[in-house]
N, C-alpha and C. Protein backbone atom coordinates (compact mmCIF):
# COMPACT_ATOMS: atom_id res chain seq x y z
N MET A 1 -16.90 -9.78 -5.64
CA MET A 1 -15.50 -9.97 -5.93
C MET A 1 -15.33 -10.08 -7.45
N LYS A 2 -14.36 -9.35 -7.99
CA LYS A 2 -14.10 -9.35 -9.43
C LYS A 2 -12.62 -9.51 -9.69
N LYS A 3 -12.31 -9.93 -10.92
CA LYS A 3 -10.92 -9.97 -11.35
C LYS A 3 -10.49 -8.55 -11.67
N LEU A 4 -9.23 -8.24 -11.43
CA LEU A 4 -8.71 -6.90 -11.65
C LEU A 4 -8.91 -6.45 -13.10
N ASN A 5 -8.77 -7.36 -14.06
CA ASN A 5 -8.91 -6.97 -15.46
C ASN A 5 -10.36 -6.66 -15.85
N GLU A 6 -11.33 -6.92 -14.98
CA GLU A 6 -12.74 -6.63 -15.26
C GLU A 6 -13.16 -5.25 -14.76
N LEU A 7 -12.33 -4.59 -13.97
CA LEU A 7 -12.69 -3.30 -13.39
C LEU A 7 -12.54 -2.17 -14.41
N GLY A 8 -13.40 -1.18 -14.29
CA GLY A 8 -13.35 -0.03 -15.18
C GLY A 8 -12.49 1.09 -14.62
N ASP A 9 -12.25 2.09 -15.45
CA ASP A 9 -11.47 3.25 -15.04
C ASP A 9 -12.09 3.89 -13.80
N GLY A 10 -11.26 4.25 -12.84
CA GLY A 10 -11.73 4.91 -11.63
C GLY A 10 -12.23 3.98 -10.54
N SER A 11 -12.28 2.69 -10.80
CA SER A 11 -12.75 1.73 -9.79
C SER A 11 -11.73 1.62 -8.66
N CYS A 12 -12.23 1.47 -7.45
CA CYS A 12 -11.37 1.28 -6.27
C CYS A 12 -11.74 -0.03 -5.58
N GLY A 13 -10.77 -0.63 -4.94
CA GLY A 13 -11.06 -1.86 -4.23
C GLY A 13 -9.88 -2.32 -3.40
N THR A 14 -10.03 -3.50 -2.82
CA THR A 14 -9.02 -4.12 -1.99
C THR A 14 -8.70 -5.50 -2.55
N ILE A 15 -7.43 -5.81 -2.65
CA ILE A 15 -7.01 -7.12 -3.15
C ILE A 15 -7.36 -8.17 -2.11
N VAL A 16 -8.09 -9.22 -2.53
CA VAL A 16 -8.49 -10.28 -1.59
C VAL A 16 -7.86 -11.62 -1.92
N ALA A 17 -7.35 -11.80 -3.15
CA ALA A 17 -6.72 -13.07 -3.50
C ALA A 17 -5.79 -12.87 -4.69
N ILE A 18 -4.70 -13.64 -4.69
CA ILE A 18 -3.78 -13.65 -5.83
C ILE A 18 -3.56 -15.11 -6.19
N THR A 19 -3.97 -15.48 -7.41
CA THR A 19 -3.80 -16.86 -7.86
C THR A 19 -2.58 -16.93 -8.78
N GLY A 20 -2.25 -18.12 -9.21
CA GLY A 20 -1.09 -18.29 -10.08
C GLY A 20 0.00 -19.04 -9.37
N ASP A 21 1.07 -19.32 -10.11
CA ASP A 21 2.17 -20.08 -9.52
C ASP A 21 2.97 -19.23 -8.54
N SER A 22 3.87 -19.87 -7.82
CA SER A 22 4.61 -19.17 -6.77
C SER A 22 5.52 -18.08 -7.33
N HIS A 23 6.05 -18.27 -8.53
CA HIS A 23 6.89 -17.23 -9.15
C HIS A 23 6.08 -15.97 -9.41
N PHE A 24 4.87 -16.13 -9.95
CA PHE A 24 3.99 -14.99 -10.21
C PHE A 24 3.63 -14.29 -8.90
N GLN A 25 3.21 -15.05 -7.90
CA GLN A 25 2.83 -14.47 -6.62
C GLN A 25 3.99 -13.71 -5.98
N SER A 26 5.17 -14.26 -6.06
CA SER A 26 6.35 -13.61 -5.49
C SER A 26 6.64 -12.29 -6.21
N ARG A 27 6.54 -12.29 -7.52
CA ARG A 27 6.81 -11.08 -8.29
C ARG A 27 5.78 -10.00 -8.02
N ILE A 28 4.51 -10.39 -7.97
CA ILE A 28 3.43 -9.42 -7.73
C ILE A 28 3.54 -8.82 -6.33
N THR A 29 3.80 -9.65 -5.34
CA THR A 29 3.91 -9.11 -3.97
C THR A 29 5.16 -8.25 -3.82
N SER A 30 6.21 -8.52 -4.58
CA SER A 30 7.43 -7.71 -4.48
C SER A 30 7.24 -6.30 -5.02
N ILE A 31 6.24 -6.08 -5.87
CA ILE A 31 5.96 -4.73 -6.36
C ILE A 31 4.88 -4.04 -5.53
N GLY A 32 4.46 -4.66 -4.42
CA GLY A 32 3.55 -4.02 -3.48
C GLY A 32 2.10 -4.42 -3.60
N LEU A 33 1.76 -5.30 -4.52
CA LEU A 33 0.37 -5.76 -4.66
C LEU A 33 0.18 -6.97 -3.75
N THR A 34 -0.26 -6.71 -2.54
CA THR A 34 -0.44 -7.76 -1.55
C THR A 34 -1.91 -7.84 -1.14
N ILE A 35 -2.28 -8.98 -0.58
CA ILE A 35 -3.65 -9.15 -0.08
C ILE A 35 -3.90 -8.11 1.01
N GLY A 36 -5.01 -7.41 0.88
CA GLY A 36 -5.37 -6.36 1.83
C GLY A 36 -4.99 -4.97 1.39
N SER A 37 -4.18 -4.84 0.34
CA SER A 37 -3.80 -3.50 -0.10
C SER A 37 -4.88 -2.89 -1.00
N SER A 38 -5.01 -1.58 -0.92
CA SER A 38 -6.01 -0.85 -1.71
C SER A 38 -5.44 -0.49 -3.08
N ILE A 39 -6.30 -0.54 -4.08
CA ILE A 39 -5.90 -0.18 -5.44
C ILE A 39 -6.95 0.73 -6.05
N GLU A 40 -6.50 1.51 -7.03
CA GLU A 40 -7.42 2.31 -7.85
C GLU A 40 -7.02 2.11 -9.30
N VAL A 41 -7.96 1.73 -10.14
CA VAL A 41 -7.69 1.54 -11.56
C VAL A 41 -7.66 2.91 -12.24
N ILE A 42 -6.54 3.24 -12.85
CA ILE A 42 -6.40 4.51 -13.56
C ILE A 42 -6.92 4.35 -14.99
N GLN A 43 -6.47 3.30 -15.68
CA GLN A 43 -6.91 3.01 -17.04
C GLN A 43 -7.01 1.51 -17.23
N ASN A 44 -8.02 1.10 -17.99
CA ASN A 44 -8.16 -0.30 -18.36
C ASN A 44 -8.69 -0.39 -19.79
N PRO A 45 -7.85 0.02 -20.77
CA PRO A 45 -8.28 -0.07 -22.16
C PRO A 45 -8.31 -1.52 -22.63
N LYS A 46 -9.05 -1.79 -23.70
CA LYS A 46 -9.27 -3.17 -24.14
C LYS A 46 -8.00 -3.93 -24.49
N LYS A 47 -7.09 -3.33 -25.24
CA LYS A 47 -5.94 -4.08 -25.74
C LYS A 47 -4.61 -3.59 -25.20
N GLN A 48 -4.65 -2.92 -24.06
CA GLN A 48 -3.42 -2.42 -23.45
C GLN A 48 -3.38 -2.84 -21.99
N PRO A 49 -2.22 -2.70 -21.35
CA PRO A 49 -2.11 -3.09 -19.93
C PRO A 49 -3.04 -2.29 -19.02
N VAL A 50 -3.35 -2.89 -17.88
CA VAL A 50 -4.14 -2.21 -16.84
C VAL A 50 -3.18 -1.33 -16.06
N LEU A 51 -3.52 -0.06 -15.94
CA LEU A 51 -2.72 0.89 -15.18
C LEU A 51 -3.43 1.16 -13.87
N LEU A 52 -2.74 0.92 -12.75
CA LEU A 52 -3.38 1.11 -11.46
C LEU A 52 -2.47 1.83 -10.49
N TYR A 53 -3.08 2.36 -9.43
CA TYR A 53 -2.38 3.10 -8.40
C TYR A 53 -2.44 2.29 -7.12
N ASN A 54 -1.27 2.03 -6.52
CA ASN A 54 -1.17 1.22 -5.31
C ASN A 54 0.01 1.70 -4.48
N ARG A 55 -0.25 2.01 -3.22
CA ARG A 55 0.83 2.41 -2.29
C ARG A 55 1.70 3.54 -2.87
N ASP A 56 1.05 4.60 -3.32
CA ASP A 56 1.74 5.78 -3.87
C ASP A 56 2.59 5.47 -5.10
N THR A 57 2.23 4.44 -5.83
CA THR A 57 2.98 4.05 -7.03
C THR A 57 2.01 3.65 -8.14
N MET A 58 2.35 4.01 -9.38
CA MET A 58 1.58 3.53 -10.52
C MET A 58 2.20 2.24 -11.02
N VAL A 59 1.34 1.26 -11.29
CA VAL A 59 1.79 -0.06 -11.72
C VAL A 59 1.03 -0.42 -12.99
N ALA A 60 1.73 -1.00 -13.96
CA ALA A 60 1.08 -1.49 -15.18
C ALA A 60 1.18 -3.01 -15.20
N LEU A 61 0.05 -3.68 -15.40
CA LEU A 61 0.00 -5.14 -15.48
C LEU A 61 -0.67 -5.53 -16.79
N ASN A 62 -0.13 -6.58 -17.43
CA ASN A 62 -0.82 -7.03 -18.64
C ASN A 62 -2.11 -7.75 -18.25
N LYS A 63 -2.97 -7.98 -19.22
CA LYS A 63 -4.31 -8.54 -18.95
C LYS A 63 -4.22 -9.92 -18.29
N ASN A 64 -3.27 -10.75 -18.70
CA ASN A 64 -3.13 -12.09 -18.11
C ASN A 64 -2.76 -12.02 -16.64
N GLU A 65 -1.90 -11.08 -16.27
CA GLU A 65 -1.53 -10.90 -14.87
C GLU A 65 -2.71 -10.36 -14.06
N ALA A 66 -3.40 -9.37 -14.62
CA ALA A 66 -4.53 -8.75 -13.92
C ALA A 66 -5.66 -9.75 -13.70
N GLU A 67 -5.78 -10.74 -14.56
CA GLU A 67 -6.83 -11.75 -14.44
C GLU A 67 -6.63 -12.64 -13.21
N LYS A 68 -5.40 -12.72 -12.72
CA LYS A 68 -5.08 -13.59 -11.58
C LYS A 68 -5.23 -12.89 -10.23
N ILE A 69 -5.66 -11.63 -10.24
CA ILE A 69 -5.79 -10.86 -9.00
C ILE A 69 -7.27 -10.57 -8.76
N MET A 70 -7.79 -11.02 -7.61
CA MET A 70 -9.20 -10.83 -7.25
C MET A 70 -9.32 -9.62 -6.33
N VAL A 71 -10.33 -8.78 -6.62
CA VAL A 71 -10.51 -7.52 -5.91
C VAL A 71 -11.92 -7.42 -5.37
N GLU A 72 -12.05 -6.97 -4.14
CA GLU A 72 -13.36 -6.62 -3.55
C GLU A 72 -13.59 -5.15 -3.85
N VAL A 73 -14.58 -4.85 -4.68
CA VAL A 73 -14.82 -3.48 -5.12
C VAL A 73 -15.52 -2.69 -4.02
N ARG A 74 -15.12 -1.43 -3.84
CA ARG A 74 -15.75 -0.55 -2.85
C ARG A 74 -16.66 0.42 -3.56
């Protein structure tokens, strides 16, 4: 299990946990990032947001947000 911000370009996995306060969790789940959903990291440059593909949508998360999402890598 790894944090989303630790994954490299092209990595695929399944979201297994979302930490953070209830406002953060509500916002993240409202954009489709839910426990059990599959993700693919498109880009994860050092000083820019993480770009990922989830449920036929591209999503950009800043590093602090991505750090709160735990992924089981496939």
